[in-house]
């Protein structure tokens, strides 16, 4: 979950940096790309965890 939230924050800050709304010490393009990667990875990890929890619950019934 931390990866998802961190990725979302980095993605938003990067996009704002690209359009000049926020001054960043890092490259806004790099921050946007890394934010997107971490956000997608975090979402897929959360989805995988939910799927395995559902499979375990069904196998116990």
C-alpha atoms as a PDB file:
ATOM      1  CA  UNK A   1       0.000   0.000   0.000  1.00  0.00           C
ATOM      2  CA  UNK A   2       2.878   2.358   0.740  1.00  0.00           C
ATOM      3  CA  UNK A   3       4.220   1.759  -2.754  1.00  0.00           C
ATOM      4  CA  UNK A   4       0.871   2.729  -4.273  1.00  0.00           C
ATOM      5  CA  UNK A   5       0.554   5.917  -2.241  1.00  0.00           C
ATOM      6  CA  UNK A   6       4.185   6.883  -2.829  1.00  0.00           C
ATOM      7  CA  UNK A   7       3.827   6.240  -6.545  1.00  0.00           C
ATOM      8  CA  UNK A   8       0.666   8.335  -6.721  1.00  0.00           C
ATOM      9  CA  UNK A   9       2.360  11.219  -4.915  1.00  0.00           C
ATOM     10  CA  UNK A  10       5.422  11.026  -7.176  1.00  0.00           C
ATOM     11  CA  UNK A  11       3.191  10.849 -10.245  1.00  0.00           C
ATOM     12  CA  UNK A  12       1.208  13.935  -9.237  1.00  0.00           C
ATOM     13  CA  UNK A  13       4.325  15.905  -8.297  1.00  0.00           C
ATOM     14  CA  UNK A  14       5.997  14.922 -11.582  1.00  0.00           C
ATOM     15  CA  UNK A  15       3.008  15.946 -13.681  1.00  0.00           C
ATOM     16  CA  UNK A  16       2.766  19.261 -11.838  1.00  0.00           C
ATOM     17  CA  UNK A  17       6.497  19.763 -12.370  1.00  0.00           C
ATOM     18  CA  UNK A  18       6.174  19.091 -16.090  1.00  0.00           C
ATOM     19  CA  UNK A  19       3.517  21.786 -16.456  1.00  0.00           C
ATOM     20  CA  UNK A  20       5.469  24.237 -14.313  1.00  0.00           C
ATOM     21  CA  UNK A  21       3.136  24.432 -11.314  1.00  0.00           C
ATOM     22  CA  UNK A  22       5.717  23.075  -8.861  1.00  0.00           C
ATOM     23  CA  UNK A  23       9.480  23.635  -8.725  1.00  0.00           C
ATOM     24  CA  UNK A  24      11.249  20.335  -8.050  1.00  0.00           C
ATOM     25  CA  UNK A  25      14.873  19.506  -7.350  1.00  0.00           C
ATOM     26  CA  UNK A  26      14.565  16.382  -9.525  1.00  0.00           C
ATOM     27  CA  UNK A  27      13.706  16.021 -13.172  1.00  0.00           C
ATOM     28  CA  UNK A  28       9.908  16.106 -13.424  1.00  0.00           C
ATOM     29  CA  UNK A  29       9.962  13.575 -16.262  1.00  0.00           C
ATOM     30  CA  UNK A  30      11.955  11.077 -14.199  1.00  0.00           C
ATOM     31  CA  UNK A  31       9.638  11.622 -11.233  1.00  0.00           C
ATOM     32  CA  UNK A  32       6.579  11.075 -13.431  1.00  0.00           C
ATOM     33  CA  UNK A  33       7.939   7.854 -14.930  1.00  0.00           C
ATOM     34  CA  UNK A  34       9.036   6.457 -11.565  1.00  0.00           C
ATOM     35  CA  UNK A  35       5.730   7.480  -9.996  1.00  0.00           C
ATOM     36  CA  UNK A  36       3.802   5.695 -12.724  1.00  0.00           C
ATOM     37  CA  UNK A  37       5.915   2.539 -12.387  1.00  0.00           C
ATOM     38  CA  UNK A  38       5.563   2.417  -8.597  1.00  0.00           C
ATOM     39  CA  UNK A  39       1.840   3.195  -8.741  1.00  0.00           C
ATOM     40  CA  UNK A  40       1.123   0.409 -11.239  1.00  0.00           C
ATOM     41  CA  UNK A  41       3.334  -2.038  -9.321  1.00  0.00           C
ATOM     42  CA  UNK A  42       1.591  -1.173  -6.050  1.00  0.00           C
ATOM     43  CA  UNK A  43      -1.869  -1.600  -7.570  1.00  0.00           C
ATOM     44  CA  UNK A  44      -0.924  -4.970  -9.047  1.00  0.00           C
ATOM     45  CA  UNK A  45       0.465  -6.122  -5.687  1.00  0.00           C
ATOM     46  CA  UNK A  46      -2.763  -5.125  -3.926  1.00  0.00           C
ATOM     47  CA  UNK A  47      -4.828  -6.884  -6.600  1.00  0.00           C
ATOM     48  CA  UNK A  48      -2.711 -10.048  -6.337  1.00  0.00           C
ATOM     49  CA  UNK A  49      -3.053 -10.068  -2.549  1.00  0.00           C
ATOM     50  CA  UNK A  50      -6.841  -9.743  -2.747  1.00  0.00           C
ATOM     51  CA  UNK A  51      -7.070 -12.514  -5.324  1.00  0.00           C
ATOM     52  CA  UNK A  52      -5.030 -14.934  -3.217  1.00  0.00           C
ATOM     53  CA  UNK A  53      -7.086 -14.092  -0.123  1.00  0.00           C
ATOM     54  CA  UNK A  54     -10.279 -14.917  -2.027  1.00  0.00           C
ATOM     55  CA  UNK A  55      -8.843 -18.223  -3.274  1.00  0.00           C
ATOM     56  CA  UNK A  56      -7.809 -19.205   0.270  1.00  0.00           C
ATOM     57  CA  UNK A  57     -11.254 -18.320   1.648  1.00  0.00           C
ATOM     58  CA  UNK A  58     -12.970 -20.394  -1.035  1.00  0.00           C
ATOM     59  CA  UNK A  59     -10.707 -23.398  -0.450  1.00  0.00           C
ATOM     60  CA  UNK A  60     -11.476 -23.346   3.298  1.00  0.00           C
ATOM     61  CA  UNK A  61     -15.264 -23.516   2.700  1.00  0.00           C
END
